[in-house]
Amino acid sequence: VPAATPVLLNIAMIAATVWATPWFRSHGIEPIYAQIIGVMLGGLL
């Protein structure tokens, strides 16, 4: 369990890059800020 756990942060950040980044860009928000969602969601998971 501890060894597998870090993959969840990577999955969350991948999701943020794929889905949140275009949404941020389309709403005129700096796209790099989408990574905030990935990091925080990854920590919770």
All heavy atoms as atom14 arrays in JSON, in Angstrom:
{
  "sequence": "VPAATPVLLNIAMIAATVWATPWFRSHGIEPIYAQIIGVMLGGLL",
  "atom14_mask": [
    [1, 1, 1, 1, 1, 1, 1, 0, 0, 0, 0, 0, 0, 0],
    [1, 1, 1, 1, 1, 1, 1, 0, 0, 0, 0, 0, 0, 0],
    [1, 1, 1, 1, 1, 0, 0, 0, 0, 0, 0, 0, 0, 0],
    [1, 1, 1, 1, 1, 0, 0, 0, 0, 0, 0, 0, 0, 0],
    [1, 1, 1, 1, 1, 1, 1, 0, 0, 0, 0, 0, 0, 0],
    [1, 1, 1, 1, 1, 1, 1, 0, 0, 0, 0, 0, 0, 0],
    [1, 1, 1, 1, 1, 1, 1, 0, 0, 0, 0, 0, 0, 0],
    [1, 1, 1, 1, 1, 1, 1, 1, 0, 0, 0, 0, 0, 0],
    [1, 1, 1, 1, 1, 1, 1, 1, 0, 0, 0, 0, 0, 0],
    [1, 1, 1, 1, 1, 1, 1, 1, 0, 0, 0, 0, 0, 0],
    [1, 1, 1, 1, 1, 1, 1, 1, 0, 0, 0, 0, 0, 0],
    [1, 1, 1, 1, 1, 0, 0, 0, 0, 0, 0, 0, 0, 0],
    [1, 1, 1, 1, 1, 1, 1, 1, 0, 0, 0, 0, 0, 0],
    [1, 1, 1, 1, 1, 1, 1, 1, 0, 0, 0, 0, 0, 0],
    [1, 1, 1, 1, 1, 0, 0, 0, 0, 0, 0, 0, 0, 0],
    [1, 1, 1, 1, 1, 0, 0, 0, 0, 0, 0, 0, 0, 0],
    [1, 1, 1, 1, 1, 1, 1, 0, 0, 0, 0, 0, 0, 0],
    [1, 1, 1, 1, 1, 1, 1, 0, 0, 0, 0, 0, 0, 0],
    [1, 1, 1, 1, 1, 1, 1, 1, 1, 1, 1, 1, 1, 1],
    [1, 1, 1, 1, 1, 0, 0, 0, 0, 0, 0, 0, 0, 0],
    [1, 1, 1, 1, 1, 1, 1, 0, 0, 0, 0, 0, 0, 0],
    [1, 1, 1, 1, 1, 1, 1, 0, 0, 0, 0, 0, 0, 0],
    [1, 1, 1, 1, 1, 1, 1, 1, 1, 1, 1, 1, 1, 1],
    [1, 1, 1, 1, 1, 1, 1, 1, 1, 1, 1, 0, 0, 0],
    [1, 1, 1, 1, 1, 1, 1, 1, 1, 1, 1, 0, 0, 0],
    [1, 1, 1, 1, 1, 1, 0, 0, 0, 0, 0, 0, 0, 0],
    [1, 1, 1, 1, 1, 1, 1, 1, 1, 1, 0, 0, 0, 0],
    [1, 1, 1, 1, 0, 0, 0, 0, 0, 0, 0, 0, 0, 0],
    [1, 1, 1, 1, 1, 1, 1, 1, 0, 0, 0, 0, 0, 0],
    [1, 1, 1, 1, 1, 1, 1, 1, 1, 0, 0, 0, 0, 0],
    [1, 1, 1, 1, 1, 1, 1, 0, 0, 0, 0, 0, 0, 0],
    [1, 1, 1, 1, 1, 1, 1, 1, 0, 0, 0, 0, 0, 0],
    [1, 1, 1, 1, 1, 1, 1, 1, 1, 1, 1, 1, 0, 0],
    [1, 1, 1, 1, 1, 0, 0, 0, 0, 0, 0, 0, 0, 0],
    [1, 1, 1, 1, 1, 1, 1, 1, 1, 0, 0, 0, 0, 0],
    [1, 1, 1, 1, 1, 1, 1, 1, 0, 0, 0, 0, 0, 0],
    [1, 1, 1, 1, 1, 1, 1, 1, 0, 0, 0, 0, 0, 0],
    [1, 1, 1, 1, 0, 0, 0, 0, 0, 0, 0, 0, 0, 0],
    [1, 1, 1, 1, 1, 1, 1, 0, 0, 0, 0, 0, 0, 0],
    [1, 1, 1, 1, 1, 1, 1, 1, 0, 0, 0, 0, 0, 0],
    [1, 1, 1, 1, 1, 1, 1, 1, 0, 0, 0, 0, 0, 0],
    [1, 1, 1, 1, 0, 0, 0, 0, 0, 0, 0, 0, 0, 0],
    [1, 1, 1, 1, 0, 0, 0, 0, 0, 0, 0, 0, 0, 0],
    [1, 1, 1, 1, 1, 1, 1, 1, 0, 0, 0, 0, 0, 0],
    [1, 1, 1, 1, 1, 1, 1, 1, 0, 0, 0, 0, 0, 0]
  ],
  "atom14_positions": [
    [[0.82, -1.22, 0.0], [0.0, 0.0, 0.0], [0.85, 1.26, 0.0], [0.65, 2.16, -0.84], [-0.99, 0.0, 1.18], [-1.73, 1.33, 1.27], [-2.0, -1.14, 1.03], [0.0, 0.0, 0.0], [0.0, 0.0, 0.0], [0.0, 0.0, 0.0], [0.0, 0.0, 0.0], [0.0, 0.0, 0.0], [0.0, 0.0, 0.0], [0.0, 0.0, 0.0]],
    [[1.84, 1.41, 0.91], [2.67, 2.62, 0.87], [3.43, 2.78, -0.44], [3.59, 3.9, -0.93], [3.62, 2.43, 2.05], [2.94, 1.47, 2.97], [2.18, 0.55, 2.07], [0.0, 0.0, 0.0], [0.0, 0.0, 0.0], [0.0, 0.0, 0.0], [0.0, 0.0, 0.0], [0.0, 0.0, 0.0], [0.0, 0.0, 0.0], [0.0, 0.0, 0.0]],
    [[3.9, 1.66, -1.01], [4.69, 1.75, -2.24], [3.82, 2.13, -3.44], [4.28, 2.8, -4.36], [5.38, 0.41, -2.51], [0.0, 0.0, 0.0], [0.0, 0.0, 0.0], [0.0, 0.0, 0.0], [0.0, 0.0, 0.0], [0.0, 0.0, 0.0], [0.0, 0.0, 0.0], [0.0, 0.0, 0.0], [0.0, 0.0, 0.0], [0.0, 0.0, 0.0]],
    [[2.55, 1.71, -3.41], [1.66, 2.01, -4.54], [1.04, 3.39, -4.45], [0.6, 3.95, -5.46], [0.55, 0.95, -4.62], [0.0, 0.0, 0.0], [0.0, 0.0, 0.0], [0.0, 0.0, 0.0], [0.0, 0.0, 0.0], [0.0, 0.0, 0.0], [0.0, 0.0, 0.0], [0.0, 0.0, 0.0], [0.0, 0.0, 0.0], [0.0, 0.0, 0.0]],
    [[0.99, 3.95, -3.24], [0.29, 5.21, -3.01], [0.75, 6.37, -3.9], [-0.08, 7.12, -4.41], [0.4, 5.6, -1.53], [-0.28, 4.61, -0.75], [-0.22, 6.96, -1.26], [0.0, 0.0, 0.0], [0.0, 0.0, 0.0], [0.0, 0.0, 0.0], [0.0, 0.0, 0.0], [0.0, 0.0, 0.0], [0.0, 0.0, 0.0], [0.0, 0.0, 0.0]],
    [[2.07, 6.58, -4.13], [2.5, 7.75, -4.91], [1.92, 7.82, -6.31], [1.85, 8.9, -6.89], [4.03, 7.59, -4.94], [4.36, 6.82, -3.71], [3.23, 5.86, -3.54], [0.0, 0.0, 0.0], [0.0, 0.0, 0.0], [0.0, 0.0, 0.0], [0.0, 0.0, 0.0], [0.0, 0.0, 0.0], [0.0, 0.0, 0.0], [0.0, 0.0, 0.0]],
    [[1.49, 6.68, -6.87], [0.95, 6.72, -8.22], [-0.31, 7.58, -8.29], [-0.63, 8.15, -9.35], [0.66, 5.28, -8.72], [-0.61, 4.71, -8.08], [0.53, 5.26, -10.24], [0.0, 0.0, 0.0], [0.0, 0.0, 0.0], [0.0, 0.0, 0.0], [0.0, 0.0, 0.0], [0.0, 0.0, 0.0], [0.0, 0.0, 0.0], [0.0, 0.0, 0.0]],
    [[-1.0, 7.72, -7.16], [-2.25, 8.49, -7.16], [-2.0, 9.97, -7.41], [-2.81, 10.63, -8.07], [-2.98, 8.29, -5.82], [-3.42, 6.85, -5.54], [-4.0, 6.72, -4.14], [-4.45, 6.4, -6.59], [0.0, 0.0, 0.0], [0.0, 0.0, 0.0], [0.0, 0.0, 0.0], [0.0, 0.0, 0.0], [0.0, 0.0, 0.0], [0.0, 0.0, 0.0]],
    [[-0.89, 10.5, -6.9], [-0.56, 11.9, -7.19], [-0.33, 12.09, -8.68], [-0.82, 13.05, -9.28], [0.68, 12.33, -6.41], [1.24, 13.72, -6.77], [0.25, 14.81, -6.38], [2.59, 13.96, -6.1], [0.0, 0.0, 0.0], [0.0, 0.0, 0.0], [0.0, 0.0, 0.0], [0.0, 0.0, 0.0], [0.0, 0.0, 0.0], [0.0, 0.0, 0.0]],
    [[0.4, 11.15, -9.28], [0.68, 11.26, -10.72], [-0.59, 11.17, -11.54], [-0.77, 11.9, -12.52], [1.66, 10.16, -11.13], [3.03, 10.34, -10.48], [3.51, 11.45, -10.35], [3.64, 9.25, -10.08], [0.0, 0.0, 0.0], [0.0, 0.0, 0.0], [0.0, 0.0, 0.0], [0.0, 0.0, 0.0], [0.0, 0.0, 0.0], [0.0, 0.0, 0.0]],
    [[-1.49, 10.26, -11.15], [-2.76, 10.14, -11.87], [-3.57, 11.42, -11.77], [-4.16, 11.91, -12.75], [-3.56, 8.94, -11.33], [-2.86, 7.63, -11.71], [-4.99, 8.95, -11.87], [-3.47, 6.41, -11.08], [0.0, 0.0, 0.0], [0.0, 0.0, 0.0], [0.0, 0.0, 0.0], [0.0, 0.0, 0.0], [0.0, 0.0, 0.0], [0.0, 0.0, 0.0]],
    [[-3.61, 12.01, -10.56], [-4.36, 13.25, -10.36], [-3.78, 14.39, -11.2], [-4.53, 15.18, -11.79], [-4.36, 13.62, -8.87], [0.0, 0.0, 0.0], [0.0, 0.0, 0.0], [0.0, 0.0, 0.0], [0.0, 0.0, 0.0], [0.0, 0.0, 0.0], [0.0, 0.0, 0.0], [0.0, 0.0, 0.0], [0.0, 0.0, 0.0], [0.0, 0.0, 0.0]],
    [[-2.45, 14.46, -11.29], [-1.83, 15.54, -12.06], [-1.98, 15.31, -13.56], [-2.09, 16.27, -14.34], [-0.36, 15.68, -11.65], [-0.19, 16.15, -10.2], [1.52, 16.4, -9.7], [1.94, 17.87, -10.65], [0.0, 0.0, 0.0], [0.0, 0.0, 0.0], [0.0, 0.0, 0.0], [0.0, 0.0, 0.0], [0.0, 0.0, 0.0], [0.0, 0.0, 0.0]],
    [[-1.98, 14.04, -13.98], [-2.26, 13.75, -15.39], [-3.67, 14.21, -15.74], [-3.9, 14.85, -16.78], [-2.09, 12.24, -15.66], [-0.61, 11.86, -15.6], [-2.69, 11.86, -17.01], [-0.36, 10.35, -15.62], [0.0, 0.0, 0.0], [0.0, 0.0, 0.0], [0.0, 0.0, 0.0], [0.0, 0.0, 0.0], [0.0, 0.0, 0.0], [0.0, 0.0, 0.0]],
    [[-4.61, 13.89, -14.87], [-6.0, 14.3, -15.11], [-6.12, 15.82, -15.19], [-6.85, 16.36, -16.03], [-6.9, 13.74, -14.01], [0.0, 0.0, 0.0], [0.0, 0.0, 0.0], [0.0, 0.0, 0.0], [0.0, 0.0, 0.0], [0.0, 0.0, 0.0], [0.0, 0.0, 0.0], [0.0, 0.0, 0.0], [0.0, 0.0, 0.0], [0.0, 0.0, 0.0]],
    [[-5.38, 16.5, -14.31], [-5.43, 17.96, -14.32], [-4.87, 18.52, -15.63], [-5.4, 19.5, -16.18], [-4.64, 18.51, -13.13], [0.0, 0.0, 0.0], [0.0, 0.0, 0.0], [0.0, 0.0, 0.0], [0.0, 0.0, 0.0], [0.0, 0.0, 0.0], [0.0, 0.0, 0.0], [0.0, 0.0, 0.0], [0.0, 0.0, 0.0], [0.0, 0.0, 0.0]],
    [[-3.8, 17.91, -16.13], [-3.21, 18.38, -17.39], [-4.14, 18.13, -18.57], [-4.31, 18.99, -19.44], [-1.85, 17.67, -17.62], [-0.98, 17.92, -16.52], [-1.21, 18.17, -18.91], [0.0, 0.0, 0.0], [0.0, 0.0, 0.0], [0.0, 0.0, 0.0], [0.0, 0.0, 0.0], [0.0, 0.0, 0.0], [0.0, 0.0, 0.0], [0.0, 0.0, 0.0]],
    [[-4.76, 16.95, -18.59], [-5.59, 16.57, -19.73], [-6.92, 17.31, -19.75], [-7.37, 17.8, -20.8], [-5.83, 15.04, -19.73], [-6.85, 14.65, -20.8], [-4.51, 14.31, -19.95], [0.0, 0.0, 0.0], [0.0, 0.0, 0.0], [0.0, 0.0, 0.0], [0.0, 0.0, 0.0], [0.0, 0.0, 0.0], [0.0, 0.0, 0.0], [0.0, 0.0, 0.0]],
    [[-7.58, 17.43, -18.58], [-8.94, 17.97, -18.55], [-9.03, 19.4, -17.98], [-9.76, 20.22, -18.51], [-9.85, 17.04, -17.74], [-10.16, 15.78, -18.49], [-10.84, 15.65, -19.66], [-9.75, 14.47, -18.13], [-10.9, 14.34, -20.05], [-10.24, 13.57, -19.13], [-9.03, 13.93, -17.06], [-10.02, 12.2, -19.08], [-8.81, 12.55, -17.01], [-9.31, 11.71, -18.02]],
    [[-8.28, 19.67, -16.91], [-8.42, 20.99, -16.29], [-7.7, 22.08, -17.08], [-8.18, 23.21, -17.17], [-7.91, 20.95, -14.84], [0.0, 0.0, 0.0], [0.0, 0.0, 0.0], [0.0, 0.0, 0.0], [0.0, 0.0, 0.0], [0.0, 0.0, 0.0], [0.0, 0.0, 0.0], [0.0, 0.0, 0.0], [0.0, 0.0, 0.0], [0.0, 0.0, 0.0]],
    [[-6.54, 21.73, -17.67], [-5.77, 22.75, -18.4], [-6.57, 23.37, -19.55], [-6.62, 24.61, -19.67], [-4.45, 22.15, -18.91], [-3.68, 21.72, -17.8], [-3.66, 23.19, -19.7], [0.0, 0.0, 0.0], [0.0, 0.0, 0.0], [0.0, 0.0, 0.0], [0.0, 0.0, 0.0], [0.0, 0.0, 0.0], [0.0, 0.0, 0.0], [0.0, 0.0, 0.0]],
    [[-7.21, 22.59, -20.44], [-8.0, 23.21, -21.51], [-9.14, 24.07, -20.96], [-9.46, 25.12, -21.55], [-8.54, 22.01, -22.29], [-7.6, 20.89, -21.99], [-7.16, 21.11, -20.57], [0.0, 0.0, 0.0], [0.0, 0.0, 0.0], [0.0, 0.0, 0.0], [0.0, 0.0, 0.0], [0.0, 0.0, 0.0], [0.0, 0.0, 0.0], [0.0, 0.0, 0.0]],
    [[-9.75, 23.64, -19.85], [-10.84, 24.41, -19.28], [-10.33, 25.76, -18.77], [-10.96, 26.8, -19.01], [-11.48, 23.63, -18.12], [-12.73, 24.29, -17.59], [-14.01, 24.1, -18.01], [-12.79, 25.25, -16.52], [-14.87, 24.88, -17.28], [-14.15, 25.6, -16.36], [-11.84, 25.85, -15.69], [-14.58, 26.52, -15.39], [-12.24, 26.77, -14.74], [-13.62, 27.09, -14.6]],
    [[-9.17, 25.75, -18.09], [-8.58, 27.0, -17.61], [-8.26, 27.92, -18.79], [-8.53, 29.13, -18.74], [-7.3, 26.7, -16.8], [-7.55, 26.4, -15.35], [-8.5, 25.45, -14.96], [-6.83, 27.05, -14.36], [-8.73, 25.16, -13.63], [-7.05, 26.77, -13.02], [-8.01, 25.82, -12.65], [0.0, 0.0, 0.0], [0.0, 0.0, 0.0], [0.0, 0.0, 0.0]],
    [[-7.67, 27.34, -19.82], [-7.29, 28.14, -20.99], [-8.51, 28.76, -21.66], [-8.5, 29.93, -22.05], [-6.51, 27.28, -21.98], [-5.96, 28.05, -23.18], [-5.13, 27.16, -24.1], [-3.81, 26.89, -23.53], [-3.38, 25.69, -23.17], [-4.18, 24.63, -23.31], [-2.17, 25.53, -22.69], [0.0, 0.0, 0.0], [0.0, 0.0, 0.0], [0.0, 0.0, 0.0]],
    [[-9.58, 27.97, -21.78], [-10.79, 28.47, -22.44], [-11.48, 29.56, -21.64], [-12.25, 30.36, -22.21], [-11.77, 27.31, -22.68], [-12.27, 26.81, -21.45], [0.0, 0.0, 0.0], [0.0, 0.0, 0.0], [0.0, 0.0, 0.0], [0.0, 0.0, 0.0], [0.0, 0.0, 0.0], [0.0, 0.0, 0.0], [0.0, 0.0, 0.0], [0.0, 0.0, 0.0]],
    [[-11.23, 29.63, -20.33], [-11.84, 30.66, -19.49], [-10.87, 31.8, -19.19], [-11.12, 32.61, -18.29], [-12.33, 30.05, -18.17], [-13.59, 29.24, -18.33], [-13.6, 27.99, -18.89], [-14.89, 29.52, -18.0], [-14.84, 27.52, -18.9], [-15.64, 28.42, -18.38], [0.0, 0.0, 0.0], [0.0, 0.0, 0.0], [0.0, 0.0, 0.0], [0.0, 0.0, 0.0]],
    [[-9.77, 31.88, -19.92], [-8.84, 32.98, -19.79], [-8.01, 32.94, -18.51], [-7.45, 33.96, -18.11], [0.0, 0.0, 0.0], [0.0, 0.0, 0.0], [0.0, 0.0, 0.0], [0.0, 0.0, 0.0], [0.0, 0.0, 0.0], [0.0, 0.0, 0.0], [0.0, 0.0, 0.0], [0.0, 0.0, 0.0], [0.0, 0.0, 0.0], [0.0, 0.0, 0.0]],
    [[-7.9, 31.77, -17.88], [-7.09, 31.61, -16.67], [-5.75, 31.0, -17.07], [-5.7, 30.12, -17.95], [-7.8, 30.7, -15.64], [-9.18, 31.24, -15.32], [-6.97, 30.57, -14.37], [-10.03, 30.29, -14.48], [0.0, 0.0, 0.0], [0.0, 0.0, 0.0], [0.0, 0.0, 0.0], [0.0, 0.0, 0.0], [0.0, 0.0, 0.0], [0.0, 0.0, 0.0]],
    [[-4.66, 31.46, -16.45], [-3.34, 30.92, -16.76], [-3.38, 29.39, -16.66], [-3.66, 28.81, -15.61], [-2.3, 31.48, -15.77], [-0.92, 30.85, -15.88], [-0.33, 30.94, -17.28], [-0.34, 32.04, -17.86], [0.12, 29.89, -17.77], [0.0, 0.0, 0.0], [0.0, 0.0, 0.0], [0.0, 0.0, 0.0], [0.0, 0.0, 0.0], [0.0, 0.0, 0.0]],
    [[-3.09, 28.66, -17.77], [-3.26, 27.19, -17.78], [-2.45, 26.45, -16.73], [-2.88, 25.4, -16.24], [-2.83, 26.81, -19.2], [-3.02, 28.04, -20.02], [-2.73, 29.18, -19.09], [0.0, 0.0, 0.0], [0.0, 0.0, 0.0], [0.0, 0.0, 0.0], [0.0, 0.0, 0.0], [0.0, 0.0, 0.0], [0.0, 0.0, 0.0], [0.0, 0.0, 0.0]],
    [[-1.27, 26.99, -16.38], [-0.4, 26.3, -15.43], [-1.08, 26.13, -14.06], [-0.76, 25.22, -13.29], [0.95, 27.05, -15.28], [2.03, 26.12, -14.7], [0.8, 28.27, -14.41], [2.58, 25.15, -15.68], [0.0, 0.0, 0.0], [0.0, 0.0, 0.0], [0.0, 0.0, 0.0], [0.0, 0.0, 0.0], [0.0, 0.0, 0.0], [0.0, 0.0, 0.0]],
    [[-2.07, 27.0, -13.78], [-2.77, 26.92, -12.48], [-3.59, 25.65, -12.33], [-3.98, 25.27, -11.21], [-3.68, 28.13, -12.29], [-2.96, 29.44, -12.05], [-3.61, 30.66, -12.23], [-1.63, 29.47, -11.65], [-2.95, 31.87, -12.02], [-0.96, 30.67, -11.44], [-1.63, 31.87, -11.62], [-0.98, 33.05, -11.41], [0.0, 0.0, 0.0], [0.0, 0.0, 0.0]],
    [[-3.86, 24.95, -13.44], [-4.6, 23.69, -13.35], [-3.85, 22.66, -12.52], [-4.46, 21.75, -11.94], [-4.86, 23.14, -14.76], [0.0, 0.0, 0.0], [0.0, 0.0, 0.0], [0.0, 0.0, 0.0], [0.0, 0.0, 0.0], [0.0, 0.0, 0.0], [0.0, 0.0, 0.0], [0.0, 0.0, 0.0], [0.0, 0.0, 0.0], [0.0, 0.0, 0.0]],
    [[-2.52, 22.8, -12.44], [-1.73, 21.84, -11.67], [-2.04, 21.9, -10.18], [-1.8, 20.93, -9.44], [-0.24, 22.09, -11.91], [0.2, 21.87, -13.34], [-0.09, 20.47, -13.84], [0.31, 19.48, -13.23], [-0.81, 20.37, -14.95], [0.0, 0.0, 0.0], [0.0, 0.0, 0.0], [0.0, 0.0, 0.0], [0.0, 0.0, 0.0], [0.0, 0.0, 0.0]],
    [[-2.56, 23.02, -9.71], [-2.95, 23.14, -8.29], [-3.99, 22.08, -7.96], [-3.91, 21.41, -6.91], [-3.51, 24.55, -8.0], [-2.43, 25.61, -8.23], [-4.05, 24.62, -6.57], [-2.96, 27.03, -8.17], [0.0, 0.0, 0.0], [0.0, 0.0, 0.0], [0.0, 0.0, 0.0], [0.0, 0.0, 0.0], [0.0, 0.0, 0.0], [0.0, 0.0, 0.0]],
    [[-4.96, 21.91, -8.85], [-6.02, 20.93, -8.63], [-5.42, 19.53, -8.55], [-5.77, 18.72, -7.67], [-7.08, 21.01, -9.75], [-7.77, 22.37, -9.74], [-8.08, 19.87, -9.62], [-8.71, 22.58, -10.89], [0.0, 0.0, 0.0], [0.0, 0.0, 0.0], [0.0, 0.0, 0.0], [0.0, 0.0, 0.0], [0.0, 0.0, 0.0], [0.0, 0.0, 0.0]],
    [[-4.51, 19.21, -9.47], [-3.89, 17.9, -9.48], [-3.12, 17.59, -8.21], [-3.22, 16.5, -7.65], [0.0, 0.0, 0.0], [0.0, 0.0, 0.0], [0.0, 0.0, 0.0], [0.0, 0.0, 0.0], [0.0, 0.0, 0.0], [0.0, 0.0, 0.0], [0.0, 0.0, 0.0], [0.0, 0.0, 0.0], [0.0, 0.0, 0.0], [0.0, 0.0, 0.0]],
    [[-2.35, 18.56, -7.73], [-1.54, 18.35, -6.52], [-2.42, 18.13, -5.29], [-2.21, 17.19, -4.52], [-0.58, 19.55, -6.31], [0.09, 19.47, -4.93], [0.47, 19.59, -7.41], [0.0, 0.0, 0.0], [0.0, 0.0, 0.0], [0.0, 0.0, 0.0], [0.0, 0.0, 0.0], [0.0, 0.0, 0.0], [0.0, 0.0, 0.0], [0.0, 0.0, 0.0]],
    [[-3.4, 18.98, -5.1], [-4.25, 18.87, -3.91], [-5.1, 17.6, -3.94], [-5.27, 16.92, -2.91], [-5.13, 20.11, -3.77], [-4.33, 21.39, -3.54], [-3.24, 21.29, -2.1], [-4.44, 21.14, -0.79], [0.0, 0.0, 0.0], [0.0, 0.0, 0.0], [0.0, 0.0, 0.0], [0.0, 0.0, 0.0], [0.0, 0.0, 0.0], [0.0, 0.0, 0.0]],
    [[-5.65, 17.28, -5.11], [-6.43, 16.05, -5.23], [-5.54, 14.83, -4.98], [-5.96, 13.87, -4.31], [-7.07, 15.97, -6.61], [-7.88, 14.7, -6.92], [-9.05, 14.56, -5.93], [-8.37, 14.71, -8.36], [0.0, 0.0, 0.0], [0.0, 0.0, 0.0], [0.0, 0.0, 0.0], [0.0, 0.0, 0.0], [0.0, 0.0, 0.0], [0.0, 0.0, 0.0]],
    [[-4.32, 14.87, -5.49], [-3.39, 13.78, -5.28], [-3.08, 13.57, -3.81], [-3.0, 12.43, -3.33], [0.0, 0.0, 0.0], [0.0, 0.0, 0.0], [0.0, 0.0, 0.0], [0.0, 0.0, 0.0], [0.0, 0.0, 0.0], [0.0, 0.0, 0.0], [0.0, 0.0, 0.0], [0.0, 0.0, 0.0], [0.0, 0.0, 0.0], [0.0, 0.0, 0.0]],
    [[-2.9, 14.65, -3.06], [-2.65, 14.53, -1.63], [-3.8, 13.88, -0.89], [-3.61, 13.0, -0.02], [0.0, 0.0, 0.0], [0.0, 0.0, 0.0], [0.0, 0.0, 0.0], [0.0, 0.0, 0.0], [0.0, 0.0, 0.0], [0.0, 0.0, 0.0], [0.0, 0.0, 0.0], [0.0, 0.0, 0.0], [0.0, 0.0, 0.0], [0.0, 0.0, 0.0]],
    [[-5.01, 14.29, -1.23], [-6.21, 13.7, -0.59], [-6.35, 12.21, -0.91], [-6.64, 11.4, -0.02], [-7.46, 14.44, -1.06], [-7.74, 15.8, -0.4], [-8.84, 16.51, -1.16], [-8.15, 15.6, 1.06], [0.0, 0.0, 0.0], [0.0, 0.0, 0.0], [0.0, 0.0, 0.0], [0.0, 0.0, 0.0], [0.0, 0.0, 0.0], [0.0, 0.0, 0.0]],
    [[-6.1, 11.84, -2.15], [-6.22, 10.44, -2.55], [-5.17, 9.57, -1.85], [-5.47, 8.46, -1.39], [-6.08, 10.31, -4.07], [-7.23, 10.87, -4.91], [-6.88, 10.81, -6.4], [-8.52, 10.11, -4.64], [0.0, 0.0, 0.0], [0.0, 0.0, 0.0], [0.0, 0.0, 0.0], [0.0, 0.0, 0.0], [0.0, 0.0, 0.0], [0.0, 0.0, 0.0]]
  ]
}
